Every structure is written in structure tokens, then in C-alpha cells.
Amino acid sequence: MRLIFAGTPEPAVVALRRLLETDHEIVAVITRPDARRGRGRTLHPSPVSALAQERGIEVLTPTTLKAGTEDGDALRARLTELAPDAIPVVAYGNLITRDLLDVPTHGWVNLHFSLLPAWRGAAPVQAAIRAGDDITGASTFRIDEGLDTGPVLGTVTETIRTTDTADDLLTRLAYSGADLLAATMDGLESGAIVPQPQTGEATHAAKISTEDARIDWSAPAFAIDRHIRAHTPGPGAWTMLGEDRLKVGPVRVLGDDAEDLPAGHLSVGRSEVHVGTGAGTVALGQIQPPGKKMMNAADWARGNAALQAGEQVNFS
């Protein structure tokens, strides 16, 4: 089939590479415009754009898909010329308007990192970890006007490990999902796939803000463990120590024989730093103080004058 690929970040690159290994023809990619990043605030192409340019594939970077805008109308004209059979989508990051949905014969086919209708929305991987789900997966579905509500074309499952961060889980899903997306394109071409309406209870995974990633030390230890892993590496779980905001890496939940500490209270041992929670105690792994890199929590504690002086110190 003639495909136009729509995607932007690194997980989408995995899917694009997989599709390039198939017999399908990628005639163009749609991705977000170049963005400024780094200390110099220089413009950089998206990861998908960089791969497409490397492979000599046409890159389309509209700022909006809305009709009546210069970018939106130019995209419509180019899609008509390219006449794609399907447009696979992985984390593109732009709203696809109603009139564009029917342009390709088989529609816009989204790879979503959950087992729909579970965790519709922008942050399904983080939501699954935070909720303590044992199983998640990826789904391909035909995009309609709703939020991840279209008919499902295929699924693949993935076990959530007790130590998984969002990055760990997303990396595995990016690869298994890429295989699923390639198989979906094959099935649409052969006619073997029959779209199935979503069934079961829908849950939602809204976009995560920095404020959402703040740690509530009054929560139970198991919930704090999930919260931190769900927000690692981005936007990064954090807490306050006086006027300083600290990023906190994954923790280890201690057993019932651990010392009982008030929520947020720190206790420094020879090689570990423990923190009390609303129920149970956790051992810190890594801490990132303001303006510094992530470091071992014990090393951080040795450099903290208040902790070394034996003063009562609390996260908030």
C-alpha cells in the first residue's frame, strides 16, 4: 500500500523503521515542525523528520491541519496528490480534522499504547503504571472524531513489571507496537482485518503536567513507588525540601520490619536514606538537587548539612 506516516517523537521512529522494512511504500511523513531545544535554542527536526530526511522521504510539517489555513490547505492539496491508501499514526501530536479522516482509503490508523478502551488519552503508559495494572499493551484503531474511540484493528499485550518506569514500558511497547502496526497494514491490504467496536469500561489518561508529578508523601508507600516510576523520566517526580525542589528517582518499598517514620520524614543510615509515607517506608534511589545531575541518595545526604547534623528534615 501507499502510506503516509504521521508521527513525531522517538517511539514513532521505531514504528517508521519497521514499516520501512515492509513491502509498503512510505511516500511521505507528516510530523511536527522543527523545535528549538538545548542551551543554544537552535532549531532541530523531530526524530521522525530526521529519519525521513535520512531515507530521502518527503517531510510535511504543517503547524495546523485546519481547513482555511495556509498550512491546512497546503496539506490537503498534497494529500490529494499523494493519494495514500492509509495513514498510520504514532504520537503525531496534532488534531486530525473530520474532513481529513476519509482521505485515505483505509483511514488514519493510530497505534495507541494501551488495550483500548482502557487509558484513552495522552499518557496511557504512565496511567497504567500509576494505577498498578498488571497487564497493558498496544492497540491499532481507525481514528474517528472521538478521543481514541474508533474501531480496533489489532492488539498486543505486555506485562508490566514491578520495577518498570514509564520509559522502560514505553520502550518495549514501541517495538511490539511497531510489529503490530506493520501487521495491521498487511491485514488491511489483504482484507483479513475486520474492525471491531471497542467494548468494556473506558478509562482516561490525561496529559501529565509538572504539578501532577509532585509526590504526596501522605500516600501509601506502594502508591508512591508507582507514582515515581510512572513519571520517570518525564516530567520527573519531585518534592520540596525547604525552598529547594528535588527530582526523585525510583524508590524501593521496605518491608514491615523497617522503622516507622512520619510521612515525608527522612532518616539517614550508613548507605541508605529512608523516607516515611502514609503507610510504610521507602528507600530513596537517586536524587537530583537544583542545578545538579542525578546522584545517589546516600551521597546527596552526606553533602546535606542539616541531615549530617541530625536535624529533623522533611520532604513536602
C-alpha atoms as a PDB file:
ATOM      1  CA  MET A   1       0.000   0.000   0.000  1.00  0.00           C
ATOM      2  CA  ARG A   2       0.941   3.647  -0.390  1.00  0.00           C
ATOM      3  CA  LEU A   3       1.385   5.017   3.110  1.00  0.00           C
ATOM      4  CA  ILE A   4       1.945   8.425   4.631  1.00  0.00           C
ATOM      5  CA  PHE A   5       3.345   8.108   8.148  1.00  0.00           C
ATOM      6  CA  ALA A   6       2.350  10.635  10.828  1.00  0.00           C
ATOM      7  CA  GLY A   7       4.438  10.821  13.982  1.00  0.00           C
ATOM      8  CA  THR A   8       6.918  12.926  15.918  1.00  0.00           C
ATOM      9  CA  PRO A   9       8.920  11.521  18.904  1.00  0.00           C
ATOM     10  CA  GLU A  10      11.356   8.622  19.334  1.00  0.00           C
ATOM     11  CA  PRO A  11       8.714   5.883  19.882  1.00  0.00           C
ATOM     12  CA  ALA A  12       7.279   6.810  16.478  1.00  0.00           C
ATOM     13  CA  VAL A  13      10.710   6.327  14.881  1.00  0.00           C
ATOM     14  CA  VAL A  14      10.625   2.657  15.912  1.00  0.00           C
ATOM     15  CA  ALA A  15       7.329   2.198  14.043  1.00  0.00           C
ATOM     16  CA  LEU A  16       8.535   4.098  10.974  1.00  0.00           C
ATOM     17  CA  ARG A  17      11.688   1.971  10.775  1.00  0.00           C
ATOM     18  CA  ARG A  18       9.562  -1.174  10.988  1.00  0.00           C
ATOM     19  CA  LEU A  19       7.241  -0.019   8.204  1.00  0.00           C
ATOM     20  CA  LEU A  20      10.249   0.786   6.036  1.00  0.00           C
ATOM     21  CA  GLU A  21      11.205  -2.901   6.301  1.00  0.00           C
ATOM     22  CA  THR A  22       7.887  -3.991   4.761  1.00  0.00           C
ATOM     23  CA  ASP A  23       6.721  -4.031   1.142  1.00  0.00           C
ATOM     24  CA  HIS A  24       4.531  -0.979   1.775  1.00  0.00           C
ATOM     25  CA  GLU A  25       5.664   2.299   0.205  1.00  0.00           C
ATOM     26  CA  ILE A  26       6.160   5.280   2.517  1.00  0.00           C
ATOM     27  CA  VAL A  27       5.586   8.225   0.188  1.00  0.00           C
ATOM     28  CA  ALA A  28       5.803  10.967   2.844  1.00  0.00           C
ATOM     29  CA  VAL A  29       5.741  11.661   6.567  1.00  0.00           C
ATOM     30  CA  ILE A  30       3.729  14.242   8.477  1.00  0.00           C
ATOM     31  CA  THR A  31       5.424  15.491  11.635  1.00  0.00           C
ATOM     32  CA  ARG A  32       5.592  18.498  13.908  1.00  0.00           C
ATOM     33  CA  PRO A  33       7.691  21.467  12.759  1.00  0.00           C
ATOM     34  CA  ASP A  34      11.305  21.838  13.847  1.00  0.00           C
ATOM     35  CA  ALA A  35      11.536  22.877  17.501  1.00  0.00           C
ATOM     36  CA  ARG A  36      14.070  24.858  19.486  1.00  0.00           C
ATOM     37  CA  ARG A  37      15.902  22.990  22.236  1.00  0.00           C
ATOM     38  CA  GLY A  38      19.195  22.910  24.098  1.00  0.00           C
ATOM     39  CA  ARG A  39      21.124  25.786  25.588  1.00  0.00           C
ATOM     40  CA  GLY A  40      21.533  27.494  22.236  1.00  0.00           C
ATOM     41  CA  ARG A  41      17.802  27.168  21.497  1.00  0.00           C
ATOM     42  CA  THR A  42      18.653  26.084  17.964  1.00  0.00           C
ATOM     43  CA  LEU A  43      16.073  24.508  15.687  1.00  0.00           C
ATOM     44  CA  HIS A  44      16.084  20.721  15.489  1.00  0.00           C
ATOM     45  CA  PRO A  45      13.911  18.415  13.371  1.00  0.00           C
ATOM     46  CA  SER A  46      11.683  15.908  15.118  1.00  0.00           C
ATOM     47  CA  PRO A  47      13.101  12.364  15.393  1.00  0.00           C
ATOM     48  CA  VAL A  48      10.670  11.219  12.680  1.00  0.00           C
ATOM     49  CA  SER A  49      11.679  14.081  10.405  1.00  0.00           C
ATOM     50  CA  ALA A  50      15.363  13.263  10.890  1.00  0.00           C
ATOM     51  CA  LEU A  51      14.848   9.626   9.858  1.00  0.00           C
ATOM     52  CA  ALA A  52      12.680  10.582   6.871  1.00  0.00           C
ATOM     53  CA  GLN A  53      15.298  13.024   5.616  1.00  0.00           C
ATOM     54  CA  GLU A  54      17.983  10.356   6.036  1.00  0.00           C
ATOM     55  CA  ARG A  55      15.910   7.984   3.888  1.00  0.00           C
ATOM     56  CA  GLY A  56      15.007  10.602   1.276  1.00  0.00           C
ATOM     57  CA  ILE A  57      11.310  10.666   2.186  1.00  0.00           C
ATOM     58  CA  GLU A  58       9.247  13.825   1.721  1.00  0.00           C
ATOM     59  CA  VAL A  59       8.564  15.605   5.023  1.00  0.00           C
ATOM     60  CA  LEU A  60       5.395  17.622   5.645  1.00  0.00           C
ATOM     61  CA  THR A  61       5.420  19.877   8.737  1.00  0.00           C
ATOM     62  CA  PRO A  62       2.112  21.780   8.989  1.00  0.00           C
ATOM     63  CA  THR A  63       1.593  23.839  12.130  1.00  0.00           C
ATOM     64  CA  THR A  64      -2.136  23.104  11.914  1.00  0.00           C
ATOM     65  CA  LEU A  65      -4.384  20.761   9.940  1.00  0.00           C
ATOM     66  CA  LYS A  66      -7.384  23.088   9.981  1.00  0.00           C
ATOM     67  CA  ALA A  67      -9.052  23.912   6.674  1.00  0.00           C
ATOM     68  CA  GLY A  68      -8.924  27.559   5.685  1.00  0.00           C
ATOM     69  CA  THR A  69      -5.371  27.986   6.961  1.00  0.00           C
ATOM     70  CA  GLU A  70      -2.336  28.178   4.695  1.00  0.00           C
ATOM     71  CA  ASP A  71      -0.754  25.052   6.215  1.00  0.00           C
ATOM     72  CA  GLY A  72      -4.005  23.111   6.383  1.00  0.00           C
ATOM     73  CA  ASP A  73      -4.988  23.818   2.786  1.00  0.00           C
ATOM     74  CA  ALA A  74      -1.490  23.040   1.509  1.00  0.00           C
ATOM     75  CA  LEU A  75      -1.573  19.698   3.323  1.00  0.00           C
ATOM     76  CA  ARG A  76      -4.963  18.819   1.829  1.00  0.00           C
ATOM     77  CA  ALA A  77      -3.700  19.548  -1.653  1.00  0.00           C
ATOM     78  CA  ARG A  78      -0.593  17.432  -1.130  1.00  0.00           C
ATOM     79  CA  LEU A  79      -2.536  14.506   0.368  1.00  0.00           C
ATOM     80  CA  THR A  80      -4.814  14.538  -2.668  1.00  0.00           C
ATOM     81  CA  GLU A  81      -1.784  14.387  -4.949  1.00  0.00           C
ATOM     82  CA  LEU A  82      -0.110  11.590  -2.989  1.00  0.00           C
ATOM     83  CA  ALA A  83      -3.349   9.539  -2.734  1.00  0.00           C
ATOM     84  CA  PRO A  84      -2.366   7.358   0.266  1.00  0.00           C
ATOM     85  CA  ASP A  85      -4.145   4.060   0.935  1.00  0.00           C
ATOM     86  CA  ALA A  86      -3.665   4.544   4.687  1.00  0.00           C
ATOM     87  CA  ILE A  87      -2.015   6.950   7.112  1.00  0.00           C
ATOM     88  CA  PRO A  88      -0.512   5.144  10.125  1.00  0.00           C
ATOM     89  CA  VAL A  89      -0.139   7.451  13.118  1.00  0.00           C
ATOM     90  CA  VAL A  90       2.133   7.158  16.169  1.00  0.00           C
ATOM     91  CA  ALA A  91       2.225  10.046  18.661  1.00  0.00           C
ATOM     92  CA  TYR A  92       1.842  12.706  15.979  1.00  0.00           C
ATOM     93  CA  GLY A  93       0.602  15.425  18.333  1.00  0.00           C
ATOM     94  CA  ASN A  94      -1.860  17.354  16.170  1.00  0.00           C
ATOM     95  CA  LEU A  95      -5.656  17.195  15.883  1.00  0.00           C
ATOM     96  CA  ILE A  96      -6.855  15.479  12.719  1.00  0.00           C
ATOM     97  CA  THR A  97      -9.970  17.220  11.442  1.00  0.00           C
ATOM     98  CA  ARG A  98     -13.132  15.466  10.264  1.00  0.00           C
ATOM     99  CA  ASP A  99     -12.706  16.123   6.547  1.00  0.00           C
ATOM    100  CA  LEU A 100      -9.214  14.613   6.516  1.00  0.00           C
ATOM    101  CA  LEU A 101     -10.235  11.300   8.066  1.00  0.00           C
ATOM    102  CA  ASP A 102     -11.739   9.920   4.862  1.00  0.00           C
ATOM    103  CA  VAL A 103      -8.902  10.964   2.546  1.00  0.00           C
ATOM    104  CA  PRO A 104      -7.029   7.630   2.683  1.00  0.00           C
ATOM    105  CA  THR A 105      -8.949   4.522   1.624  1.00  0.00           C
ATOM    106  CA  HIS A 106      -8.297   2.748   4.927  1.00  0.00           C
ATOM    107  CA  GLY A 107      -8.297   5.871   7.069  1.00  0.00           C
ATOM    108  CA  TRP A 108      -5.821   7.146   9.622  1.00  0.00           C
ATOM    109  CA  VAL A 109      -4.704   4.175  11.734  1.00  0.00           C
ATOM    110  CA  ASN A 110      -3.397   5.045  15.172  1.00  0.00           C
ATOM    111  CA  LEU A 111      -1.009   2.951  17.266  1.00  0.00           C
ATOM    112  CA  HIS A 112      -2.035   3.613  20.876  1.00  0.00           C
ATOM    113  CA  PHE A 113      -0.106   2.253  23.848  1.00  0.00           C
ATOM    114  CA  SER A 114      -2.919   0.654  25.811  1.00  0.00           C
ATOM    115  CA  LEU A 115      -5.570  -2.024  25.412  1.00  0.00           C
ATOM    116  CA  LEU A 116      -8.486   0.148  24.373  1.00  0.00           C
ATOM    117  CA  PRO A 117     -10.877   1.275  25.730  1.00  0.00           C
ATOM    118  CA  ALA A 118      -8.536   1.318  28.742  1.00  0.00           C
ATOM    119  CA  TRP A 119      -6.493   4.502  29.100  1.00  0.00           C
ATOM    120  CA  ARG A 120      -7.689   6.606  26.234  1.00  0.00           C
ATOM    121  CA  GLY A 121      -5.783   9.868  26.047  1.00  0.00           C
ATOM    122  CA  ALA A 122      -2.298  11.339  26.037  1.00  0.00           C
ATOM    123  CA  ALA A 123      -0.485   9.371  28.772  1.00  0.00           C
ATOM    124  CA  PRO A 124      -1.643   5.721  28.729  1.00  0.00           C
ATOM    125  CA  VAL A 125       1.695   4.187  29.776  1.00  0.00           C
ATOM    126  CA  GLN A 126       2.039   6.464  32.798  1.00  0.00           C
ATOM    127  CA  ALA A 127      -1.586   5.866  33.786  1.00  0.00           C
ATOM    128  CA  ALA A 128      -1.232   2.080  33.655  1.00  0.00           C
ATOM    129  CA  ILE A 129       1.826   2.117  35.927  1.00  0.00           C
ATOM    130  CA  ARG A 130       0.295   4.619  38.328  1.00  0.00           C
ATOM    131  CA  ALA A 131      -2.870   2.521  38.612  1.00  0.00           C
ATOM    132  CA  GLY A 132      -0.914  -0.648  39.364  1.00  0.00           C
ATOM    133  CA  ASP A 133      -2.135  -2.542  36.286  1.00  0.00           C
ATOM    134  CA  ASP A 134      -0.530  -5.946  35.778  1.00  0.00           C
ATOM    135  CA  ILE A 135      -1.145  -6.067  32.025  1.00  0.00           C
ATOM    136  CA  THR A 136      -1.239  -3.404  29.353  1.00  0.00           C
ATOM    137  CA  GLY A 137      -0.484  -3.465  25.643  1.00  0.00           C
ATOM    138  CA  ALA A 138      -0.917  -1.633  22.384  1.00  0.00           C
ATOM    139  CA  SER A 139      -3.873  -1.243  20.039  1.00  0.00           C
ATOM    140  CA  THR A 140      -4.240  -0.182  16.447  1.00  0.00           C
ATOM    141  CA  PHE A 141      -7.531   1.513  15.617  1.00  0.00           C
ATOM    142  CA  ARG A 142      -9.082   3.632  12.917  1.00  0.00           C
ATOM    143  CA  ILE A 143      -9.254   7.224  14.084  1.00  0.00           C
ATOM    144  CA  ASP A 144     -12.709   8.786  14.232  1.00  0.00           C
ATOM    145  CA  GLU A 145     -13.948  12.082  15.667  1.00  0.00           C
ATOM    146  CA  GLY A 146     -13.811  10.894  19.292  1.00  0.00           C
ATOM    147  CA  LEU A 147     -10.831  10.652  21.646  1.00  0.00           C
ATOM    148  CA  ASP A 148      -9.346   7.204  20.887  1.00  0.00           C
ATOM    149  CA  THR A 149     -12.849   5.805  20.323  1.00  0.00           C
ATOM    150  CA  GLY A 150     -12.508   4.288  16.840  1.00  0.00           C
ATOM    151  CA  PRO A 151     -12.864   0.596  15.951  1.00  0.00           C
ATOM    152  CA  VAL A 152      -9.944  -1.627  16.952  1.00  0.00           C
ATOM    153  CA  LEU A 153      -7.930  -3.347  14.229  1.00  0.00           C
ATOM    154  CA  GLY A 154      -5.431  -5.285  16.347  1.00  0.00           C
ATOM    155  CA  THR A 155      -3.897  -5.623  19.818  1.00  0.00           C
ATOM    156  CA  VAL A 156      -0.787  -6.942  21.523  1.00  0.00           C
ATOM    157  CA  THR A 157      -0.346  -7.430  25.282  1.00  0.00           C
ATOM    158  CA  GLU A 158       2.581  -6.609  27.554  1.00  0.00           C
ATOM    159  CA  THR A 159       3.199  -7.478  31.232  1.00  0.00           C
ATOM    160  CA  ILE A 160       4.001  -4.523  33.483  1.00  0.00           C
ATOM    161  CA  ARG A 161       6.989  -5.398  35.655  1.00  0.00           C
ATOM    162  CA  THR A 162       7.180  -4.249  39.263  1.00  0.00           C
ATOM    163  CA  THR A 163      10.277  -2.153  38.505  1.00  0.00           C
ATOM    164  CA  ASP A 164       9.094  -0.646  35.210  1.00  0.00           C
ATOM    165  CA  THR A 165       9.449   3.080  34.726  1.00  0.00           C
ATOM    166  CA  ALA A 166       7.368   4.753  32.035  1.00  0.00           C
ATOM    167  CA  ASP A 167      10.453   4.758  29.815  1.00  0.00           C
ATOM    168  CA  ASP A 168      11.067   1.017  30.326  1.00  0.00           C
ATOM    169  CA  LEU A 169       7.499   0.090  29.467  1.00  0.00           C
ATOM    170  CA  LEU A 170       7.156   2.516  26.564  1.00  0.00           C
ATOM    171  CA  THR A 171      10.370   1.197  25.007  1.00  0.00           C
ATOM    172  CA  ARG A 172       9.039  -2.381  24.973  1.00  0.00           C
ATOM    173  CA  LEU A 173       5.646  -1.255  23.686  1.00  0.00           C
ATOM    174  CA  ALA A 174       7.276   0.812  20.936  1.00  0.00           C
ATOM    175  CA  TYR A 175       8.821  -2.347  19.480  1.00  0.00           C
ATOM    176  CA  SER A 176       5.892  -4.727  19.946  1.00  0.00           C
ATOM    177  CA  GLY A 177       3.550  -1.972  18.765  1.00  0.00           C
ATOM    178  CA  ALA A 178       5.661  -1.399  15.659  1.00  0.00           C
ATOM    179  CA  ASP A 179       5.246  -5.063  14.722  1.00  0.00           C
ATOM    180  CA  LEU A 180       1.521  -4.753  15.377  1.00  0.00           C
ATOM    181  CA  LEU A 181       1.258  -1.679  13.144  1.00  0.00           C
ATOM    182  CA  ALA A 182       3.085  -3.449  10.308  1.00  0.00           C
ATOM    183  CA  ALA A 183       0.791  -6.467  10.670  1.00  0.00           C
ATOM    184  CA  THR A 184      -2.234  -4.153  10.655  1.00  0.00           C
ATOM    185  CA  MET A 185      -1.136  -2.580   7.383  1.00  0.00           C
ATOM    186  CA  ASP A 186      -0.734  -6.089   5.916  1.00  0.00           C
ATOM    187  CA  GLY A 187      -4.177  -7.099   7.144  1.00  0.00           C
ATOM    188  CA  LEU A 188      -5.851  -4.005   5.740  1.00  0.00           C
ATOM    189  CA  GLU A 189      -4.250  -4.600   2.364  1.00  0.00           C
ATOM    190  CA  SER A 190      -5.312  -8.258   2.251  1.00  0.00           C
ATOM    191  CA  GLY A 191      -8.778  -7.611   3.673  1.00  0.00           C
ATOM    192  CA  ALA A 192      -8.138 -10.025   6.559  1.00  0.00           C
ATOM    193  CA  ILE A 193      -8.862  -7.423   9.261  1.00  0.00           C
ATOM    194  CA  VAL A 194     -12.426  -6.751  10.360  1.00  0.00           C
ATOM    195  CA  PRO A 195     -12.612  -3.619  12.553  1.00  0.00           C
ATOM    196  CA  GLN A 196     -14.170  -4.335  15.955  1.00  0.00           C
ATOM    197  CA  PRO A 197     -16.013  -1.764  18.077  1.00  0.00           C
ATOM    198  CA  GLN A 198     -14.439  -1.077  21.455  1.00  0.00           C
ATOM    199  CA  THR A 199     -16.148  -2.867  24.334  1.00  0.00           C
ATOM    200  CA  GLY A 200     -15.818  -2.613  28.097  1.00  0.00           C
ATOM    201  CA  GLU A 201     -15.296   0.231  30.523  1.00  0.00           C
ATOM    202  CA  ALA A 202     -13.361   3.200  29.198  1.00  0.00           C
ATOM    203  CA  THR A 203     -10.721   4.840  31.362  1.00  0.00           C
ATOM    204  CA  HIS A 204      -8.867   8.044  30.605  1.00  0.00           C
ATOM    205  CA  ALA A 205      -5.234   9.124  30.781  1.00  0.00           C
ATOM    206  CA  ALA A 206      -4.973  12.887  30.578  1.00  0.00           C
ATOM    207  CA  LYS A 207      -1.800  14.741  29.619  1.00  0.00           C
ATOM    208  CA  ILE A 208       0.536  14.995  32.614  1.00  0.00           C
ATOM    209  CA  SER A 209       1.660  18.367  33.935  1.00  0.00           C
ATOM    210  CA  THR A 210       4.724  19.045  36.065  1.00  0.00           C
ATOM    211  CA  GLU A 211       2.426  19.708  39.029  1.00  0.00           C
ATOM    212  CA  ASP A 212       0.843  16.272  38.574  1.00  0.00           C
ATOM    213  CA  ALA A 213       4.274  14.701  39.151  1.00  0.00           C
ATOM    214  CA  ARG A 214       4.688  16.128  42.664  1.00  0.00           C
ATOM    215  CA  ILE A 215       4.973  13.386  45.293  1.00  0.00           C
ATOM    216  CA  ASP A 216       2.334  13.215  48.022  1.00  0.00           C
ATOM    217  CA  TRP A 217       4.189  11.617  50.928  1.00  0.00           C
ATOM    218  CA  SER A 218       0.913  11.002  52.786  1.00  0.00           C
ATOM    219  CA  ALA A 219       0.060   8.333  50.185  1.00  0.00           C
ATOM    220  CA  PRO A 220       0.972   4.687  50.934  1.00  0.00           C
ATOM    221  CA  ALA A 221       4.466   3.504  50.030  1.00  0.00           C
ATOM    222  CA  PHE A 222       3.213   1.296  47.190  1.00  0.00           C
ATOM    223  CA  ALA A 223       1.380   4.240  45.603  1.00  0.00           C
ATOM    224  CA  ILE A 224       4.440   6.496  45.866  1.00  0.00           C
ATOM    225  CA  ASP A 225       6.562   3.800  44.216  1.00  0.00           C
ATOM    226  CA  ARG A 226       4.107   3.621  41.294  1.00  0.00           C
ATOM    227  CA  HIS A 227       3.815   7.403  41.094  1.00  0.00           C
ATOM    228  CA  ILE A 228       7.555   7.910  40.805  1.00  0.00           C
ATOM    229  CA  ARG A 229       8.035   5.138  38.235  1.00  0.00           C
ATOM    230  CA  ALA A 230       5.101   6.459  36.194  1.00  0.00           C
ATOM    231  CA  HIS A 231       6.727   9.901  35.961  1.00  0.00           C
ATOM    232  CA  THR A 232      10.257   8.683  35.197  1.00  0.00           C
ATOM    233  CA  PRO A 233      11.965  10.085  33.213  1.00  0.00           C
ATOM    234  CA  GLY A 234       9.487  12.788  32.272  1.00  0.00           C
ATOM    235  CA  PRO A 235       8.311  15.092  33.629  1.00  0.00           C
ATOM    236  CA  GLY A 236      10.133  13.617  36.657  1.00  0.00           C
ATOM    237  CA  ALA A 237       8.656  13.022  40.110  1.00  0.00           C
ATOM    238  CA  TRP A 238       9.619  15.775  42.532  1.00  0.00           C
ATOM    239  CA  THR A 239       9.317  17.026  46.072  1.00  0.00           C
ATOM    240  CA  MET A 240      10.236  20.087  48.099  1.00  0.00           C
ATOM    241  CA  LEU A 241      12.930  20.307  50.771  1.00  0.00           C
ATOM    242  CA  GLY A 242      12.582  23.757  52.254  1.00  0.00           C
ATOM    243  CA  GLU A 243      12.822  26.117  49.273  1.00  0.00           C
ATOM    244  CA  ASP A 244      14.546  23.563  47.026  1.00  0.00           C
ATOM    245  CA  ARG A 245      12.730  21.410  44.506  1.00  0.00           C
ATOM    246  CA  LEU A 246      14.305  17.969  44.146  1.00  0.00           C
ATOM    247  CA  LYS A 247      13.696  15.358  41.491  1.00  0.00           C
ATOM    248  CA  VAL A 248      13.317  11.880  42.911  1.00  0.00           C
ATOM    249  CA  GLY A 249      14.230   8.670  41.105  1.00  0.00           C
ATOM    250  CA  PRO A 250      12.543   5.277  41.663  1.00  0.00           C
ATOM    251  CA  VAL A 251      12.409   4.088  45.274  1.00  0.00           C
ATOM    252  CA  ARG A 252      12.355   0.700  46.983  1.00  0.00           C
ATOM    253  CA  VAL A 253       9.432  -0.166  49.238  1.00  0.00           C
ATOM    254  CA  LEU A 254      10.724  -1.574  52.520  1.00  0.00           C
ATOM    255  CA  GLY A 255       9.176  -4.422  54.476  1.00  0.00           C
ATOM    256  CA  ASP A 256       7.117  -4.276  57.638  1.00  0.00           C
ATOM    257  CA  ASP A 257      10.268  -4.512  59.768  1.00  0.00           C
ATOM    258  CA  ALA A 258      11.503  -1.096  58.578  1.00  0.00           C
ATOM    259  CA  GLU A 259      11.486   1.813  61.001  1.00  0.00           C
ATOM    260  CA  ASP A 260       8.159   3.609  61.196  1.00  0.00           C
ATOM    261  CA  LEU A 261       8.648   7.213  60.097  1.00  0.00           C
ATOM    262  CA  PRO A 262       6.173  10.090  59.787  1.00  0.00           C
ATOM    263  CA  ALA A 263       5.133  10.905  56.218  1.00  0.00           C
ATOM    264  CA  GLY A 264       7.915  12.793  54.434  1.00  0.00           C
ATOM    265  CA  HIS A 265      10.422  12.405  57.293  1.00  0.00           C
ATOM    266  CA  LEU A 266      13.973  11.435  56.277  1.00  0.00           C
ATOM    267  CA  SER A 267      16.204   9.030  58.159  1.00  0.00           C
ATOM    268  CA  VAL A 268      19.839   8.655  57.080  1.00  0.00           C
ATOM    269  CA  GLY A 269      21.743   5.419  57.566  1.00  0.00           C
ATOM    270  CA  ARG A 270      25.248   4.391  56.580  1.00  0.00           C
ATOM    271  CA  SER A 271      24.319   3.527  52.997  1.00  0.00           C
ATOM    272  CA  GLU A 272      20.629   4.387  52.577  1.00  0.00           C
ATOM    273  CA  VAL A 273      18.180   7.227  53.021  1.00  0.00           C
ATOM    274  CA  HIS A 274      14.700   6.213  54.166  1.00  0.00           C
ATOM    275  CA  VAL A 275      11.540   8.299  53.897  1.00  0.00           C
ATOM    276  CA  GLY A 276       8.266   7.784  55.729  1.00  0.00           C
ATOM    277  CA  THR A 277       4.974   7.650  53.851  1.00  0.00           C
ATOM    278  CA  GLY A 278       1.319   7.498  54.785  1.00  0.00           C
ATOM    279  CA  ALA A 279       1.707   3.725  55.211  1.00  0.00           C
ATOM    280  CA  GLY A 280       5.168   2.184  55.128  1.00  0.00           C
ATOM    281  CA  THR A 281       8.688   3.347  54.407  1.00  0.00           C
ATOM    282  CA  VAL A 282      10.702   3.665  51.201  1.00  0.00           C
ATOM    283  CA  ALA A 283      14.432   3.756  50.478  1.00  0.00           C
ATOM    284  CA  LEU A 284      15.484   6.519  48.107  1.00  0.00           C
ATOM    285  CA  GLY A 285      17.445   5.594  44.995  1.00  0.00           C
ATOM    286  CA  GLN A 286      18.611   8.802  43.333  1.00  0.00           C
ATOM    287  CA  ILE A 287      18.052  12.497  43.977  1.00  0.00           C
ATOM    288  CA  GLN A 288      18.600  15.485  41.697  1.00  0.00           C
ATOM    289  CA  PRO A 289      19.174  18.737  43.617  1.00  0.00           C
ATOM    290  CA  PRO A 290      18.619  22.071  41.840  1.00  0.00           C
ATOM    291  CA  GLY A 291      21.255  22.755  39.187  1.00  0.00           C
ATOM    292  CA  LYS A 292      22.914  19.364  39.546  1.00  0.00           C
ATOM    293  CA  LYS A 293      22.753  15.923  37.957  1.00  0.00           C
ATOM    294  CA  MET A 294      21.049  12.882  39.425  1.00  0.00           C
ATOM    295  CA  MET A 295      23.132  11.367  42.245  1.00  0.00           C
ATOM    296  CA  ASN A 296      22.952   8.504  44.681  1.00  0.00           C
ATOM    297  CA  ALA A 297      20.697   9.470  47.602  1.00  0.00           C
ATOM    298  CA  ALA A 298      23.323   8.494  50.208  1.00  0.00           C
ATOM    299  CA  ASP A 299      25.898  10.736  48.501  1.00  0.00           C
ATOM    300  CA  TRP A 300      23.390  13.567  48.450  1.00  0.00           C
ATOM    301  CA  ALA A 301      22.660  13.086  52.153  1.00  0.00           C
ATOM    302  CA  ARG A 302      26.368  13.219  53.030  1.00  0.00           C
ATOM    303  CA  GLY A 303      26.515  16.660  51.453  1.00  0.00           C
ATOM    304  CA  ASN A 304      23.419  17.962  53.254  1.00  0.00           C
ATOM    305  CA  ALA A 305      24.480  19.850  56.386  1.00  0.00           C
ATOM    306  CA  ALA A 306      21.126  19.568  58.161  1.00  0.00           C
ATOM    307  CA  LEU A 307      20.967  15.806  57.694  1.00  0.00           C
ATOM    308  CA  GLN A 308      24.573  15.364  58.851  1.00  0.00           C
ATOM    309  CA  ALA A 309      23.853  17.466  61.929  1.00  0.00           C
ATOM    310  CA  GLY A 310      20.993  15.124  62.838  1.00  0.00           C
ATOM    311  CA  GLU A 311      18.293  17.765  62.401  1.00  0.00           C
ATOM    312  CA  GLN A 312      14.739  16.732  61.630  1.00  0.00           C
ATOM    313  CA  VAL A 313      14.329  17.035  57.863  1.00  0.00           C
ATOM    314  CA  ASN A 314      11.085  16.519  55.961  1.00  0.00           C
ATOM    315  CA  PHE A 315      10.076  16.424  52.325  1.00  0.00           C
ATOM    316  CA  SER A 316       6.878  18.257  51.488  1.00  0.00           C
END
